[in-house]
Amino acid sequence: MTLYAIFERGTPVREAPVSVPERFSWLAVLLPPVFAVLHGLWLELVIFAVAAAALALASPWLGGAAAFWLYVLLAVLIGFEAPSLRRAALRRRGWTCRTEIIAAAGDLAEAAWLQRAGVTRP
């Protein structure tokens, strides 16, 4: 079971809610740029690219092994912070966190929220 934050857009037109799991993201660790593009984290992608370029430029002074381990540390940090990055991006786009629900999967958390909110199926 995972804790999911349920976000809804604050517009009059009812959109499907978005669930953000509160757990470590292996995709964010192994492929940080892909994770950022999939979730629309454009600002975070630019910051990651600048950090990776800075590590590449500093590697002659730091040493190759140190630059590699600093990159690994950055990737692991992104993996732990992935849910926070997604929540912050949703808030910047006008989404509001409505509740947190424990569920086995994201779609079950969204369905539980819709049932709790009293939304009926068409």
N, C-alpha and C. Protein backbone atom coordinates (compact mmCIF):
# COMPACT_ATOMS: atom_id res chain seq x y z
N MET A 1 0.85 -1.17 0.00
CA MET A 1 0.00 0.00 0.00
C MET A 1 0.89 1.24 0.00
N THR A 2 0.47 2.21 -0.75
CA THR A 2 1.24 3.44 -0.92
C THR A 2 0.35 4.64 -0.60
N LEU A 3 0.96 5.67 -0.09
CA LEU A 3 0.26 6.92 0.17
C LEU A 3 0.26 7.75 -1.12
N TYR A 4 -0.91 8.19 -1.57
CA TYR A 4 -1.06 8.98 -2.78
C TYR A 4 -1.63 10.35 -2.42
N ALA A 5 -1.03 11.40 -2.96
CA ALA A 5 -1.60 12.74 -2.86
C ALA A 5 -2.51 12.94 -4.06
N ILE A 6 -3.74 13.36 -3.82
CA ILE A 6 -4.73 13.54 -4.88
C ILE A 6 -4.82 15.04 -5.19
N PHE A 7 -4.60 15.38 -6.46
CA PHE A 7 -4.66 16.76 -6.92
C PHE A 7 -5.82 16.94 -7.88
N GLU A 8 -6.49 18.09 -7.76
CA GLU A 8 -7.55 18.48 -8.70
C GLU A 8 -7.27 19.89 -9.18
N ARG A 9 -7.66 20.15 -10.43
CA ARG A 9 -7.50 21.49 -10.97
C ARG A 9 -8.63 22.36 -10.44
N GLY A 10 -8.31 23.60 -10.10
CA GLY A 10 -9.30 24.51 -9.53
C GLY A 10 -10.08 25.27 -10.57
N THR A 11 -10.57 24.59 -11.60
CA THR A 11 -11.37 25.24 -12.65
C THR A 11 -12.81 24.75 -12.55
N PRO A 12 -13.73 25.52 -13.14
CA PRO A 12 -15.14 25.08 -13.10
C PRO A 12 -15.37 23.78 -13.87
N VAL A 13 -14.57 23.53 -14.90
CA VAL A 13 -14.71 22.29 -15.67
C VAL A 13 -14.04 21.17 -14.88
N ARG A 14 -14.78 20.11 -14.64
CA ARG A 14 -14.28 19.00 -13.83
C ARG A 14 -13.32 18.15 -14.65
N GLU A 15 -12.07 18.05 -14.21
CA GLU A 15 -11.08 17.20 -14.86
C GLU A 15 -10.79 16.01 -13.96
N ALA A 16 -10.22 14.98 -14.54
CA ALA A 16 -9.85 13.81 -13.75
C ALA A 16 -8.76 14.20 -12.75
N PRO A 17 -8.83 13.68 -11.55
CA PRO A 17 -7.79 14.00 -10.57
C PRO A 17 -6.47 13.33 -10.95
N VAL A 18 -5.40 13.82 -10.37
CA VAL A 18 -4.07 13.26 -10.59
C VAL A 18 -3.57 12.75 -9.24
N SER A 19 -3.04 11.53 -9.24
CA SER A 19 -2.49 10.98 -8.01
C SER A 19 -0.97 10.95 -8.11
N VAL A 20 -0.31 11.37 -7.03
CA VAL A 20 1.15 11.39 -6.97
C VAL A 20 1.57 10.45 -5.84
N PRO A 21 2.24 9.34 -6.17
CA PRO A 21 2.64 8.40 -5.11
C PRO A 21 3.79 8.96 -4.29
N GLU A 22 3.75 8.69 -3.00
CA GLU A 22 4.81 9.12 -2.09
C GLU A 22 5.76 7.94 -1.91
N ARG A 23 6.62 7.74 -2.90
CA ARG A 23 7.59 6.65 -2.84
C ARG A 23 8.80 6.97 -3.72
N PHE A 24 9.85 6.24 -3.50
CA PHE A 24 11.09 6.37 -4.25
C PHE A 24 10.83 6.04 -5.71
N SER A 25 11.42 6.80 -6.63
CA SER A 25 11.21 6.58 -8.06
C SER A 25 12.50 6.07 -8.71
N TRP A 26 12.47 4.81 -9.12
CA TRP A 26 13.63 4.25 -9.81
C TRP A 26 13.82 4.88 -11.18
N LEU A 27 12.74 5.24 -11.86
CA LEU A 27 12.87 5.89 -13.16
C LEU A 27 13.60 7.22 -13.01
N ALA A 28 13.31 7.95 -11.95
CA ALA A 28 13.97 9.23 -11.72
C ALA A 28 15.46 9.05 -11.43
N VAL A 29 15.83 7.93 -10.84
CA VAL A 29 17.25 7.67 -10.56
C VAL A 29 17.97 7.23 -11.83
N LEU A 30 17.40 6.28 -12.55
CA LEU A 30 18.09 5.71 -13.70
C LEU A 30 18.06 6.62 -14.93
N LEU A 31 16.97 7.33 -15.13
CA LEU A 31 16.83 8.21 -16.30
C LEU A 31 16.18 9.53 -15.89
N PRO A 32 16.91 10.40 -15.19
CA PRO A 32 16.31 11.65 -14.72
C PRO A 32 15.70 12.52 -15.82
N PRO A 33 16.35 12.68 -16.99
CA PRO A 33 15.72 13.51 -18.03
C PRO A 33 14.41 12.91 -18.56
N VAL A 34 14.36 11.60 -18.69
CA VAL A 34 13.13 10.95 -19.16
C VAL A 34 12.01 11.15 -18.14
N PHE A 35 12.32 10.98 -16.87
CA PHE A 35 11.33 11.21 -15.82
C PHE A 35 10.80 12.63 -15.88
N ALA A 36 11.70 13.60 -16.05
CA ALA A 36 11.29 15.01 -16.10
C ALA A 36 10.38 15.28 -17.30
N VAL A 37 10.71 14.73 -18.45
CA VAL A 37 9.90 14.95 -19.66
C VAL A 37 8.54 14.28 -19.52
N LEU A 38 8.50 13.05 -19.00
CA LEU A 38 7.23 12.34 -18.85
C LEU A 38 6.25 13.06 -17.94
N HIS A 39 6.77 13.77 -16.94
CA HIS A 39 5.90 14.44 -15.98
C HIS A 39 5.84 15.95 -16.17
N GLY A 40 6.41 16.44 -17.27
CA GLY A 40 6.34 17.87 -17.57
C GLY A 40 7.11 18.75 -16.60
N LEU A 41 8.21 18.24 -16.08
CA LEU A 41 9.03 18.99 -15.13
C LEU A 41 10.13 19.74 -15.88
N TRP A 42 9.75 20.75 -16.64
CA TRP A 42 10.68 21.44 -17.52
C TRP A 42 11.72 22.24 -16.76
N LEU A 43 11.32 22.94 -15.73
CA LEU A 43 12.27 23.71 -14.93
C LEU A 43 13.28 22.77 -14.27
N GLU A 44 12.81 21.67 -13.74
CA GLU A 44 13.68 20.70 -13.10
C GLU A 44 14.63 20.06 -14.12
N LEU A 45 14.16 19.87 -15.35
CA LEU A 45 15.01 19.32 -16.41
C LEU A 45 16.16 20.28 -16.72
N VAL A 46 15.87 21.56 -16.80
CA VAL A 46 16.91 22.55 -17.07
C VAL A 46 17.92 22.59 -15.92
N ILE A 47 17.43 22.55 -14.69
CA ILE A 47 18.33 22.56 -13.53
C ILE A 47 19.21 21.31 -13.53
N PHE A 48 18.63 20.16 -13.84
CA PHE A 48 19.41 18.93 -13.90
C PHE A 48 20.47 19.02 -15.01
N ALA A 49 20.09 19.54 -16.17
CA ALA A 49 21.05 19.65 -17.27
C ALA A 49 22.21 20.58 -16.90
N VAL A 50 21.90 21.68 -16.23
CA VAL A 50 22.96 22.61 -15.80
C VAL A 50 23.87 21.92 -14.77
N ALA A 51 23.28 21.19 -13.83
CA ALA A 51 24.08 20.49 -12.82
C ALA A 51 24.96 19.42 -13.45
N ALA A 52 24.41 18.67 -14.39
CA ALA A 52 25.19 17.63 -15.07
C ALA A 52 26.31 18.25 -15.90
N ALA A 53 26.03 19.35 -16.57
CA ALA A 53 27.07 20.04 -17.35
C ALA A 53 28.15 20.59 -16.42
N ALA A 54 27.76 21.12 -15.27
CA ALA A 54 28.74 21.63 -14.31
C ALA A 54 29.63 20.50 -13.81
N LEU A 55 29.05 19.33 -13.55
CA LEU A 55 29.86 18.18 -13.14
C LEU A 55 30.81 17.75 -14.24
N ALA A 56 30.33 17.75 -15.47
CA ALA A 56 31.19 17.37 -16.60
C ALA A 56 32.35 18.35 -16.76
N LEU A 57 32.07 19.64 -16.61
CA LEU A 57 33.12 20.65 -16.75
C LEU A 57 34.09 20.61 -15.57
N ALA A 58 33.62 20.24 -14.39
CA ALA A 58 34.47 20.21 -13.21
C ALA A 58 35.21 18.88 -13.06
N SER A 59 34.90 17.89 -13.87
CA SER A 59 35.52 16.58 -13.72
C SER A 59 37.04 16.59 -13.89
N PRO A 60 37.64 17.43 -14.73
CA PRO A 60 39.12 17.43 -14.77
C PRO A 60 39.74 17.85 -13.42
N TRP A 61 39.08 18.72 -12.69
CA TRP A 61 39.61 19.16 -11.40
C TRP A 61 39.21 18.23 -10.26
N LEU A 62 37.99 17.70 -10.35
CA LEU A 62 37.51 16.81 -9.30
C LEU A 62 38.08 15.40 -9.43
N GLY A 63 38.30 15.00 -10.65
CA GLY A 63 38.66 13.62 -10.95
C GLY A 63 37.44 12.89 -11.49
N GLY A 64 37.66 11.96 -12.36
CA GLY A 64 36.56 11.24 -13.00
C GLY A 64 35.70 10.46 -12.02
N ALA A 65 36.34 9.78 -11.07
CA ALA A 65 35.58 8.98 -10.10
C ALA A 65 34.72 9.87 -9.21
N ALA A 66 35.27 10.99 -8.76
CA ALA A 66 34.50 11.89 -7.89
C ALA A 66 33.32 12.48 -8.65
N ALA A 67 33.53 12.87 -9.91
CA ALA A 67 32.43 13.42 -10.70
C ALA A 67 31.35 12.37 -10.92
N PHE A 68 31.74 11.12 -11.17
CA PHE A 68 30.78 10.05 -11.35
C PHE A 68 29.94 9.85 -10.09
N TRP A 69 30.58 9.78 -8.91
CA TRP A 69 29.86 9.55 -7.67
C TRP A 69 29.00 10.74 -7.30
N LEU A 70 29.42 11.94 -7.65
CA LEU A 70 28.56 13.11 -7.42
C LEU A 70 27.33 13.05 -8.31
N TYR A 71 27.50 12.57 -9.55
CA TYR A 71 26.34 12.39 -10.43
C TYR A 71 25.39 11.34 -9.86
N VAL A 72 25.94 10.23 -9.37
CA VAL A 72 25.10 9.19 -8.76
C VAL A 72 24.35 9.76 -7.56
N LEU A 73 25.04 10.53 -6.75
CA LEU A 73 24.40 11.16 -5.59
C LEU A 73 23.27 12.09 -6.02
N LEU A 74 23.49 12.87 -7.08
CA LEU A 74 22.45 13.75 -7.61
C LEU A 74 21.25 12.94 -8.11
N ALA A 75 21.52 11.85 -8.82
CA ALA A 75 20.43 11.01 -9.34
C ALA A 75 19.63 10.37 -8.20
N VAL A 76 20.31 9.90 -7.16
CA VAL A 76 19.60 9.31 -6.03
C VAL A 76 18.77 10.38 -5.31
N LEU A 77 19.30 11.57 -5.17
CA LEU A 77 18.55 12.67 -4.57
C LEU A 77 17.28 12.96 -5.38
N ILE A 78 17.39 12.95 -6.68
CA ILE A 78 16.22 13.17 -7.54
C ILE A 78 15.21 12.04 -7.34
N GLY A 79 15.69 10.80 -7.19
CA GLY A 79 14.79 9.68 -6.94
C GLY A 79 14.00 9.82 -5.66
N PHE A 80 14.66 10.31 -4.60
CA PHE A 80 13.95 10.52 -3.34
C PHE A 80 13.01 11.72 -3.40
N GLU A 81 13.39 12.74 -4.14
CA GLU A 81 12.59 13.97 -4.21
C GLU A 81 11.58 13.98 -5.35
N ALA A 82 11.48 12.92 -6.11
CA ALA A 82 10.58 12.88 -7.27
C ALA A 82 9.13 13.23 -6.92
N PRO A 83 8.55 12.67 -5.85
CA PRO A 83 7.17 13.06 -5.53
C PRO A 83 7.04 14.55 -5.19
N SER A 84 8.01 15.08 -4.48
CA SER A 84 7.96 16.51 -4.14
C SER A 84 8.08 17.38 -5.38
N LEU A 85 8.92 16.97 -6.31
CA LEU A 85 9.06 17.73 -7.56
C LEU A 85 7.76 17.72 -8.35
N ARG A 86 7.10 16.56 -8.42
CA ARG A 86 5.83 16.48 -9.14
C ARG A 86 4.75 17.31 -8.47
N ARG A 87 4.68 17.25 -7.13
CA ARG A 87 3.66 18.04 -6.41
C ARG A 87 3.90 19.53 -6.61
N ALA A 88 5.14 19.97 -6.55
CA ALA A 88 5.44 21.39 -6.75
C ALA A 88 5.08 21.84 -8.16
N ALA A 89 5.34 21.00 -9.15
CA ALA A 89 5.00 21.35 -10.54
C ALA A 89 3.49 21.44 -10.72
N LEU A 90 2.75 20.52 -10.10
CA LEU A 90 1.28 20.58 -10.20
C LEU A 90 0.74 21.84 -9.54
N ARG A 91 1.30 22.21 -8.40
CA ARG A 91 0.84 23.45 -7.73
C ARG A 91 1.13 24.67 -8.58
N ARG A 92 2.28 24.70 -9.25
CA ARG A 92 2.61 25.84 -10.12
C ARG A 92 1.62 25.94 -11.28
N ARG A 93 1.07 24.82 -11.70
CA ARG A 93 0.11 24.81 -12.82
C ARG A 93 -1.33 25.03 -12.38
N GLY A 94 -1.55 25.28 -11.10
CA GLY A 94 -2.90 25.59 -10.63
C GLY A 94 -3.67 24.43 -10.05
N TRP A 95 -3.02 23.29 -9.85
CA TRP A 95 -3.68 22.15 -9.23
C TRP A 95 -3.64 22.32 -7.72
N THR A 96 -4.64 21.77 -7.03
CA THR A 96 -4.74 21.86 -5.58
C THR A 96 -4.73 20.46 -4.99
N CYS A 97 -3.95 20.29 -3.94
CA CYS A 97 -3.93 19.00 -3.24
C CYS A 97 -5.19 18.90 -2.40
N ARG A 98 -6.02 17.92 -2.67
CA ARG A 98 -7.29 17.76 -1.96
C ARG A 98 -7.16 16.86 -0.73
N THR A 99 -6.43 15.76 -0.88
CA THR A 99 -6.31 14.82 0.24
C THR A 99 -5.17 13.86 -0.05
N GLU A 100 -4.91 13.01 0.92
CA GLU A 100 -3.97 11.91 0.75
C GLU A 100 -4.70 10.63 1.08
N ILE A 101 -4.51 9.63 0.23
CA ILE A 101 -5.23 8.37 0.35
C ILE A 101 -4.24 7.22 0.26
N ILE A 102 -4.42 6.22 1.09
CA ILE A 102 -3.60 5.01 1.02
C ILE A 102 -4.33 4.02 0.13
N ALA A 103 -3.63 3.56 -0.91
CA ALA A 103 -4.25 2.61 -1.85
C ALA A 103 -3.16 1.73 -2.45
N ALA A 104 -3.60 0.67 -3.13
CA ALA A 104 -2.67 -0.26 -3.76
C ALA A 104 -2.13 0.30 -5.07
N ALA A 105 -2.89 1.16 -5.74
CA ALA A 105 -2.46 1.73 -7.02
C ALA A 105 -3.05 3.13 -7.17
N GLY A 106 -2.47 3.90 -8.08
CA GLY A 106 -2.90 5.27 -8.29
C GLY A 106 -4.35 5.40 -8.75
N ASP A 107 -4.76 4.50 -9.66
CA ASP A 107 -6.14 4.59 -10.14
C ASP A 107 -7.15 4.25 -9.04
N LEU A 108 -6.78 3.36 -8.14
CA LEU A 108 -7.67 3.05 -7.02
C LEU A 108 -7.76 4.24 -6.06
N ALA A 109 -6.66 4.96 -5.88
CA ALA A 109 -6.69 6.15 -5.04
C ALA A 109 -7.58 7.23 -5.66
N GLU A 110 -7.46 7.41 -6.98
CA GLU A 110 -8.32 8.38 -7.66
C GLU A 110 -9.78 7.99 -7.57
N ALA A 111 -10.08 6.70 -7.75
CA ALA A 111 -11.47 6.23 -7.65
C ALA A 111 -12.02 6.43 -6.24
N ALA A 112 -11.20 6.16 -5.24
CA ALA A 112 -11.64 6.37 -3.85
C ALA A 112 -11.92 7.84 -3.59
N TRP A 113 -11.09 8.72 -4.15
CA TRP A 113 -11.33 10.16 -3.96
C TRP A 113 -12.63 10.58 -4.66
N LEU A 114 -12.85 10.11 -5.88
CA LEU A 114 -14.06 10.49 -6.60
C LEU A 114 -15.30 9.97 -5.86
N GLN A 115 -15.21 8.79 -5.30
CA GLN A 115 -16.34 8.24 -4.54
C GLN A 115 -16.57 9.06 -3.27
N ARG A 116 -15.49 9.42 -2.60
CA ARG A 116 -15.60 10.22 -1.37
C ARG A 116 -16.13 11.62 -1.68
N ALA A 117 -15.75 12.18 -2.84
CA ALA A 117 -16.18 13.52 -3.22
C ALA A 117 -17.61 13.54 -3.75
N GLY A 118 -18.18 12.35 -3.99
CA GLY A 118 -19.57 12.29 -4.44
C GLY A 118 -19.75 12.45 -5.93
N VAL A 119 -18.70 12.20 -6.70
CA VAL A 119 -18.80 12.29 -8.16
C VAL A 119 -19.37 10.99 -8.67
N THR A 120 -20.43 11.07 -9.47
CA THR A 120 -21.04 9.87 -10.01
C THR A 120 -20.49 9.60 -11.40
N ARG A 121 -20.56 8.37 -11.79
CA ARG A 121 -20.10 7.98 -13.12
C ARG A 121 -21.14 8.39 -14.16
N PRO A 122 -20.68 8.75 -15.37
CA PRO A 122 -21.64 9.16 -16.40
C PRO A 122 -22.45 8.00 -16.94
